[in-house]
Amino acid sequence: MNRISLATELSATTYPGRGIVIGRSADGKYAVTAYFIMGRSENSRNRVFVEDGEGIRTQAFDPSKLTDPSLIIYAPVRVLGDKTIVTNGDQTDTVYKGMSKGETFEVSLRCREFEPDGPNYTPRISGVMEIKDGAFEYAMSILKSNNGDSDSCNRYTFSYENPKAGEGRFIHTYMGDGNPLPSFEGEPTWVDICGDIDEFTNLVWSNLNEDNKVSLFVRYIDIETGKYETRIINKNQ
């Protein structure tokens, strides 16, 4: 696998769906994560990210236009001690509850599978970052249908110890636009992590498709102190 430009990967398709990036800043000081959502329907596009404690949640930009909240209203980011959990659905709460009881990231997701939105069967993508005693590691997961078979769930977990400065991993729900939407394939993409938090935020947002992008969350966490900075961009302002 070759490391590629995150900007190139983001701009390669009009509809990667929802995406998670996790890695380490180029100067090595920060654990970095980004989460974005996109939408094709009015219901999916009618959303914003808002802060919720140390995490965030989605909410309807115009409540009068909200038709089905089941798969679009959730908390994408929650913090559990030294762990930051990032997912594309309400499995954020599942991971939070499981890990708070001592379960591993992988085990906590055993009770979940892909979303029940056939024929797409959107994958559930999840990530967890752990910063402890000046060390940083992370893991990513994808739960997806077996090539569109709703009776079979394929489960993949990827763990990354001591990630190197300036590199990260990118996982997203779809390989591109289509009907049905084709699920992500393979290992999370090895990408560059560059710039400070504002440069990185601008890089991600500016390379997402203008028509389909909805909201973006970015967080830089100081690996030595645990202090963090957050950026949120909503297309609906």
Protein backbone atom coordinates (compact mmCIF):
# COMPACT_ATOMS: atom_id res chain seq x y z
CA MET A 1 0.00 0.00 0.00
CA ASN A 2 1.27 3.47 -0.92
CA ARG A 3 0.60 6.52 1.22
CA ILE A 4 -1.42 9.06 -0.71
CA SER A 5 -2.59 12.63 -0.38
CA LEU A 6 -5.77 12.91 1.68
CA ALA A 7 -6.87 15.76 -0.57
CA THR A 8 -6.51 13.51 -3.61
CA GLU A 9 -8.47 10.70 -1.98
CA LEU A 10 -11.30 12.98 -0.83
CA SER A 11 -11.71 14.63 -4.22
CA ALA A 12 -11.57 11.35 -6.15
CA THR A 13 -15.30 10.70 -5.77
CA THR A 14 -18.42 12.83 -5.50
CA TYR A 15 -19.90 10.65 -2.78
CA PRO A 16 -17.66 8.85 -0.24
CA GLY A 17 -20.62 9.07 2.18
CA ARG A 18 -19.54 9.41 5.80
CA GLY A 19 -15.83 9.27 6.62
CA ILE A 20 -13.40 8.99 9.52
CA VAL A 21 -9.74 10.03 9.45
CA ILE A 22 -7.41 9.26 12.36
CA GLY A 23 -3.67 9.85 12.54
CA ARG A 24 -0.82 11.89 13.95
CA SER A 25 0.05 15.46 13.07
CA ALA A 26 3.13 16.18 10.97
CA ASP A 27 4.96 17.62 13.99
CA GLY A 28 4.16 14.52 16.02
CA LYS A 29 2.51 16.47 18.85
CA TYR A 30 -1.15 15.78 18.21
CA ALA A 31 -3.53 12.90 17.76
CA VAL A 32 -5.81 13.96 14.91
CA THR A 33 -9.28 12.90 13.93
CA ALA A 34 -11.85 14.12 11.43
CA TYR A 35 -15.41 12.99 10.81
CA PHE A 36 -17.59 14.20 7.96
CA ILE A 37 -21.09 13.53 6.72
CA MET A 38 -22.52 13.94 3.24
CA GLY A 39 -26.04 13.65 1.89
CA ARG A 40 -28.01 13.18 -1.32
CA SER A 41 -31.57 13.42 0.06
CA GLU A 42 -33.17 16.48 1.63
CA ASN A 43 -33.44 14.61 4.93
CA SER A 44 -29.72 13.77 4.99
CA ARG A 45 -28.70 17.28 3.99
CA ASN A 46 -30.89 18.86 6.66
CA ARG A 47 -28.31 18.41 9.43
CA VAL A 48 -25.67 20.21 11.44
CA PHE A 49 -23.06 19.19 14.01
CA VAL A 50 -23.38 20.75 17.46
CA GLU A 51 -21.16 20.36 20.52
CA ASP A 52 -22.44 18.01 23.20
CA GLY A 53 -20.20 17.91 26.26
CA GLU A 54 -16.78 16.74 25.10
CA GLY A 55 -18.31 15.23 21.97
CA ILE A 56 -20.77 16.25 19.29
CA ARG A 57 -24.20 15.24 18.03
CA THR A 58 -26.18 15.76 14.85
CA GLN A 59 -29.40 17.69 14.83
CA ALA A 60 -31.86 18.86 12.19
CA PHE A 61 -31.07 22.27 10.77
CA ASP A 62 -34.77 22.79 10.02
CA PRO A 63 -36.83 20.55 12.36
CA SER A 64 -39.94 21.03 10.21
CA LYS A 65 -38.22 19.18 7.34
CA LEU A 66 -37.03 16.19 9.39
CA THR A 67 -38.81 13.06 8.13
CA ASP A 68 -36.91 10.07 9.55
CA PRO A 69 -34.38 10.60 12.36
CA SER A 70 -33.51 6.92 12.86
CA LEU A 71 -30.22 6.81 10.95
CA ILE A 72 -29.26 10.47 10.77
CA ILE A 73 -29.62 11.79 14.33
CA TYR A 74 -26.95 10.43 16.67
CA ALA A 75 -23.79 11.31 18.61
CA PRO A 76 -20.80 10.75 16.30
CA VAL A 77 -18.19 11.60 18.96
CA ARG A 78 -18.02 10.73 22.66
CA VAL A 79 -15.12 10.82 25.12
CA LEU A 80 -14.54 8.08 27.70
CA GLY A 81 -11.61 9.01 29.92
CA ASP A 82 -8.50 8.82 27.75
CA LYS A 83 -10.46 7.40 24.80
CA THR A 84 -12.16 9.34 22.00
CA ILE A 85 -14.81 7.37 20.11
CA VAL A 86 -15.84 8.40 16.59
CA THR A 87 -18.48 6.58 14.55
CA ASN A 88 -21.03 7.11 11.79
CA GLY A 89 -24.09 6.12 13.85
CA ASP A 90 -25.58 5.33 17.21
CA GLN A 91 -22.98 2.62 17.71
CA THR A 92 -20.97 5.42 19.34
CA ASP A 93 -23.12 4.76 22.40
CA THR A 94 -22.67 1.00 22.02
CA VAL A 95 -18.87 1.34 22.04
CA TYR A 96 -19.01 3.82 24.93
CA LYS A 97 -21.12 1.49 27.07
CA GLY A 98 -19.10 -1.59 26.20
CA MET A 99 -15.70 -0.05 26.84
CA SER A 100 -16.93 1.54 30.06
CA LYS A 101 -17.61 -2.04 31.24
CA GLY A 102 -14.13 -3.21 30.26
CA GLU A 103 -14.95 -4.70 26.86
CA THR A 104 -12.56 -4.23 23.98
CA PHE A 105 -13.46 -2.02 21.04
CA GLU A 106 -13.97 -5.08 18.84
CA VAL A 107 -16.09 -7.00 21.36
CA SER A 108 -18.28 -3.97 22.08
CA LEU A 109 -19.36 -3.95 18.42
CA ARG A 110 -20.28 -7.63 18.25
CA CYS A 111 -23.93 -6.82 18.91
CA ARG A 112 -24.12 -4.42 15.96
CA GLU A 113 -24.05 -4.83 12.19
CA PHE A 114 -24.50 -2.71 9.05
CA GLU A 115 -27.39 -0.26 8.81
CA PRO A 116 -30.84 -1.64 7.82
CA ASP A 117 -31.19 0.63 4.80
CA GLY A 118 -31.39 -1.90 1.98
CA PRO A 119 -30.40 -2.11 -0.79
CA ASN A 120 -27.40 0.00 0.30
CA TYR A 121 -26.85 -1.69 3.69
CA THR A 122 -24.57 1.17 4.65
CA PRO A 123 -21.51 -0.02 6.60
CA ARG A 124 -21.05 1.05 10.19
CA ILE A 125 -17.60 2.58 10.48
CA SER A 126 -16.06 3.30 13.87
CA GLY A 127 -12.81 4.46 15.40
CA VAL A 128 -11.33 4.80 18.87
CA MET A 129 -8.25 6.80 19.85
CA GLU A 130 -6.47 6.19 23.15
CA ILE A 131 -3.92 8.58 24.63
CA LYS A 132 -2.27 7.47 27.84
CA ASP A 133 1.02 8.40 29.51
CA GLY A 134 2.24 10.22 26.42
CA ALA A 135 1.48 7.29 24.11
CA PHE A 136 -1.09 7.22 21.29
CA GLU A 137 -2.74 4.33 19.51
CA TYR A 138 -5.97 3.85 17.63
CA ALA A 139 -8.23 1.29 16.00
CA MET A 140 -10.84 1.33 13.24
CA SER A 141 -13.72 -0.98 12.44
CA ILE A 142 -16.11 -1.60 9.59
CA LEU A 143 -19.23 -3.76 9.76
CA LYS A 144 -20.59 -4.42 6.28
CA SER A 145 -22.94 -6.75 4.45
CA ASN A 146 -21.45 -9.69 2.62
CA ASN A 147 -21.55 -8.16 -0.86
CA GLY A 148 -25.12 -6.96 -0.39
CA ASP A 149 -26.36 -10.10 1.40
CA SER A 150 -28.40 -8.80 4.33
CA ASP A 151 -28.22 -12.17 6.10
CA SER A 152 -24.44 -12.04 6.48
CA CYS A 153 -22.27 -9.43 8.25
CA ASN A 154 -18.54 -9.13 7.64
CA ARG A 155 -16.56 -7.62 10.52
CA TYR A 156 -13.11 -6.06 10.18
CA THR A 157 -10.99 -4.36 12.85
CA PHE A 158 -7.67 -2.60 12.19
CA SER A 159 -5.32 -1.56 15.00
CA TYR A 160 -2.49 0.96 14.77
CA GLU A 161 0.13 1.25 17.51
CA ASN A 162 2.57 4.15 17.77
CA PRO A 163 1.43 5.87 14.55
CA LYS A 164 4.14 7.89 12.87
CA ALA A 165 4.09 11.67 12.51
CA GLY A 166 2.34 12.93 9.41
CA GLU A 167 0.38 9.83 8.57
CA GLY A 168 -3.06 8.41 9.26
CA ARG A 169 -5.85 6.20 8.01
CA PHE A 170 -9.07 7.06 6.20
CA ILE A 171 -12.19 4.89 6.10
CA HIS A 172 -15.54 5.82 4.58
CA THR A 173 -18.87 4.19 3.89
CA TYR A 174 -19.00 4.11 0.09
CA MET A 175 -16.52 3.63 -2.73
CA GLY A 176 -18.42 6.22 -4.74
CA ASP A 177 -21.85 7.16 -6.00
CA GLY A 178 -24.20 4.51 -7.37
CA ASN A 179 -27.49 2.68 -6.94
CA PRO A 180 -27.15 0.76 -4.76
CA LEU A 181 -24.21 2.54 -3.19
CA PRO A 182 -21.06 0.36 -3.26
CA SER A 183 -19.64 -0.31 0.22
CA PHE A 184 -16.07 0.58 1.17
CA GLU A 185 -13.57 -2.14 0.33
CA GLY A 186 -10.21 -3.13 1.78
CA GLU A 187 -8.00 -1.73 4.51
CA PRO A 188 -8.39 1.91 5.59
CA THR A 189 -6.47 4.10 3.17
CA TRP A 190 -2.99 5.23 4.25
CA VAL A 191 -2.99 9.03 3.96
CA ASP A 192 -0.94 12.11 4.77
CA ILE A 193 -1.82 14.23 7.80
CA CYS A 194 -0.50 17.73 7.23
CA GLY A 195 -0.84 21.24 8.60
CA ASP A 196 -2.17 22.68 11.83
CA ILE A 197 -5.80 22.22 12.81
CA ASP A 198 -7.09 25.06 10.64
CA GLU A 199 -5.07 24.04 7.59
CA PHE A 200 -6.16 20.43 8.00
CA THR A 201 -9.81 21.40 8.47
CA ASN A 202 -9.71 23.53 5.33
CA LEU A 203 -8.02 20.73 3.38
CA VAL A 204 -10.72 18.22 4.25
CA TRP A 205 -13.68 20.56 3.74
CA SER A 206 -12.45 22.07 0.49
CA ASN A 207 -11.89 18.66 -1.11
CA LEU A 208 -15.32 17.22 -0.32
CA ASN A 209 -17.87 17.48 -3.12
CA GLU A 210 -19.56 20.88 -2.88
CA ASP A 211 -23.06 19.60 -3.64
CA ASN A 212 -23.03 16.66 -1.24
CA LYS A 213 -20.98 17.73 1.79
CA VAL A 214 -22.97 18.56 4.93
CA SER A 215 -20.80 18.83 8.08
CA LEU A 216 -17.25 18.33 9.30
CA PHE A 217 -15.72 17.78 12.75
CA VAL A 218 -11.95 17.97 13.39
CA ARG A 219 -10.10 17.52 16.67
CA TYR A 220 -6.40 17.85 17.54
CA ILE A 221 -5.47 16.32 20.91
CA ASP A 222 -2.13 17.16 22.55
CA ILE A 223 -0.56 13.75 23.20
CA GLU A 224 1.43 14.99 26.19
CA THR A 225 -1.31 16.91 28.00
CA GLY A 226 -4.58 15.53 26.64
CA LYS A 227 -5.87 19.04 25.93
CA TYR A 228 -7.68 19.41 22.64
CA GLU A 229 -8.93 21.89 20.07
CA THR A 230 -12.02 21.31 17.94
CA ARG A 231 -13.31 22.73 14.68
CA ILE A 232 -16.82 22.27 13.30
CA ILE A 233 -18.02 23.38 9.87
CA ASN A 234 -21.66 23.12 8.83
CA LYS A 235 -22.81 23.85 5.29
CA ASN A 236 -26.15 24.87 6.84
CA GLN A 237 -25.34 27.94 8.91
